[in-house]
């Protein structure tokens, strides 16, 4: 497996785990209807998005 594929899979797995933990901790998806919940989700997933996007830019 190439390093780029490994980094992409790690980033995607991390983002999925982070979102799953937020849904579990908030007891459902209702927290996304609030601005704070959406911003927290974006803040949590942002590092993984940067890692994934780095595959194309670096």
C-alpha atoms as a PDB file:
ATOM      1  CA  UNK A   1       0.000   0.000   0.000  1.00  0.00           C
ATOM      2  CA  UNK A   2       1.331   3.411  -0.891  1.00  0.00           C
ATOM      3  CA  UNK A   3       1.898   5.961   1.822  1.00  0.00           C
ATOM      4  CA  UNK A   4      -0.670   8.289   0.253  1.00  0.00           C
ATOM      5  CA  UNK A   5      -3.366   5.638   0.458  1.00  0.00           C
ATOM      6  CA  UNK A   6      -2.458   4.835   4.047  1.00  0.00           C
ATOM      7  CA  UNK A   7      -2.639   8.509   5.017  1.00  0.00           C
ATOM      8  CA  UNK A   8      -5.994   8.912   3.269  1.00  0.00           C
ATOM      9  CA  UNK A   9      -7.445   5.830   4.950  1.00  0.00           C
ATOM     10  CA  UNK A  10      -6.178   7.017   8.328  1.00  0.00           C
ATOM     11  CA  UNK A  11      -7.726  10.443   7.806  1.00  0.00           C
ATOM     12  CA  UNK A  12     -11.074   9.027   6.713  1.00  0.00           C
ATOM     13  CA  UNK A  13     -11.138   6.498   9.561  1.00  0.00           C
ATOM     14  CA  UNK A  14     -10.288   9.227  12.066  1.00  0.00           C
ATOM     15  CA  UNK A  15     -13.047  11.481  10.769  1.00  0.00           C
ATOM     16  CA  UNK A  16     -15.604   8.679  10.927  1.00  0.00           C
ATOM     17  CA  UNK A  17     -14.572   7.720  14.449  1.00  0.00           C
ATOM     18  CA  UNK A  18     -14.705  11.362  15.580  1.00  0.00           C
ATOM     19  CA  UNK A  19     -18.186  11.868  14.151  1.00  0.00           C
ATOM     20  CA  UNK A  20     -19.372   8.546  15.604  1.00  0.00           C
ATOM     21  CA  UNK A  21     -18.108   9.545  19.044  1.00  0.00           C
ATOM     22  CA  UNK A  22     -19.878  12.900  18.829  1.00  0.00           C
ATOM     23  CA  UNK A  23     -23.153  11.233  17.843  1.00  0.00           C
ATOM     24  CA  UNK A  24     -22.769   8.743  20.696  1.00  0.00           C
ATOM     25  CA  UNK A  25     -21.874  11.444  23.240  1.00  0.00           C
ATOM     26  CA  UNK A  26     -24.768  13.658  22.149  1.00  0.00           C
ATOM     27  CA  UNK A  27     -27.229  10.733  22.110  1.00  0.00           C
ATOM     28  CA  UNK A  28     -28.304  11.281  18.516  1.00  0.00           C
ATOM     29  CA  UNK A  29     -28.067  13.699  15.637  1.00  0.00           C
ATOM     30  CA  UNK A  30     -30.243  16.438  17.161  1.00  0.00           C
ATOM     31  CA  UNK A  31     -27.142  18.354  18.265  1.00  0.00           C
ATOM     32  CA  UNK A  32     -26.398  19.155  14.605  1.00  0.00           C
ATOM     33  CA  UNK A  33     -29.524  21.290  14.423  1.00  0.00           C
ATOM     34  CA  UNK A  34     -27.823  23.786  16.730  1.00  0.00           C
ATOM     35  CA  UNK A  35     -25.073  26.063  15.476  1.00  0.00           C
ATOM     36  CA  UNK A  36     -22.761  25.014  18.319  1.00  0.00           C
ATOM     37  CA  UNK A  37     -23.089  21.324  17.464  1.00  0.00           C
ATOM     38  CA  UNK A  38     -22.318  21.965  13.820  1.00  0.00           C
ATOM     39  CA  UNK A  39     -19.270  24.078  14.668  1.00  0.00           C
ATOM     40  CA  UNK A  40     -17.977  21.455  17.099  1.00  0.00           C
ATOM     41  CA  UNK A  41     -18.344  18.782  14.422  1.00  0.00           C
ATOM     42  CA  UNK A  42     -16.468  20.894  11.890  1.00  0.00           C
ATOM     43  CA  UNK A  43     -13.755  21.642  14.473  1.00  0.00           C
ATOM     44  CA  UNK A  44     -13.374  17.941  15.245  1.00  0.00           C
ATOM     45  CA  UNK A  45     -13.225  16.809  11.613  1.00  0.00           C
ATOM     46  CA  UNK A  46     -11.022  19.659  10.331  1.00  0.00           C
ATOM     47  CA  UNK A  47      -7.633  18.008  11.114  1.00  0.00           C
ATOM     48  CA  UNK A  48      -8.656  14.878   9.239  1.00  0.00           C
ATOM     49  CA  UNK A  49      -9.839  16.928   6.270  1.00  0.00           C
ATOM     50  CA  UNK A  50      -6.473  18.722   6.179  1.00  0.00           C
ATOM     51  CA  UNK A  51      -4.625  15.404   6.292  1.00  0.00           C
ATOM     52  CA  UNK A  52      -6.806  14.036   3.499  1.00  0.00           C
ATOM     53  CA  UNK A  53      -6.419  17.191   1.395  1.00  0.00           C
ATOM     54  CA  UNK A  54      -2.662  17.119   1.973  1.00  0.00           C
ATOM     55  CA  UNK A  55      -2.561  14.046  -0.221  1.00  0.00           C
ATOM     56  CA  UNK A  56      -3.392  16.234  -3.201  1.00  0.00           C
ATOM     57  CA  UNK A  57      -1.363  19.317  -2.310  1.00  0.00           C
ATOM     58  CA  UNK A  58       1.887  17.969  -0.802  1.00  0.00           C
END
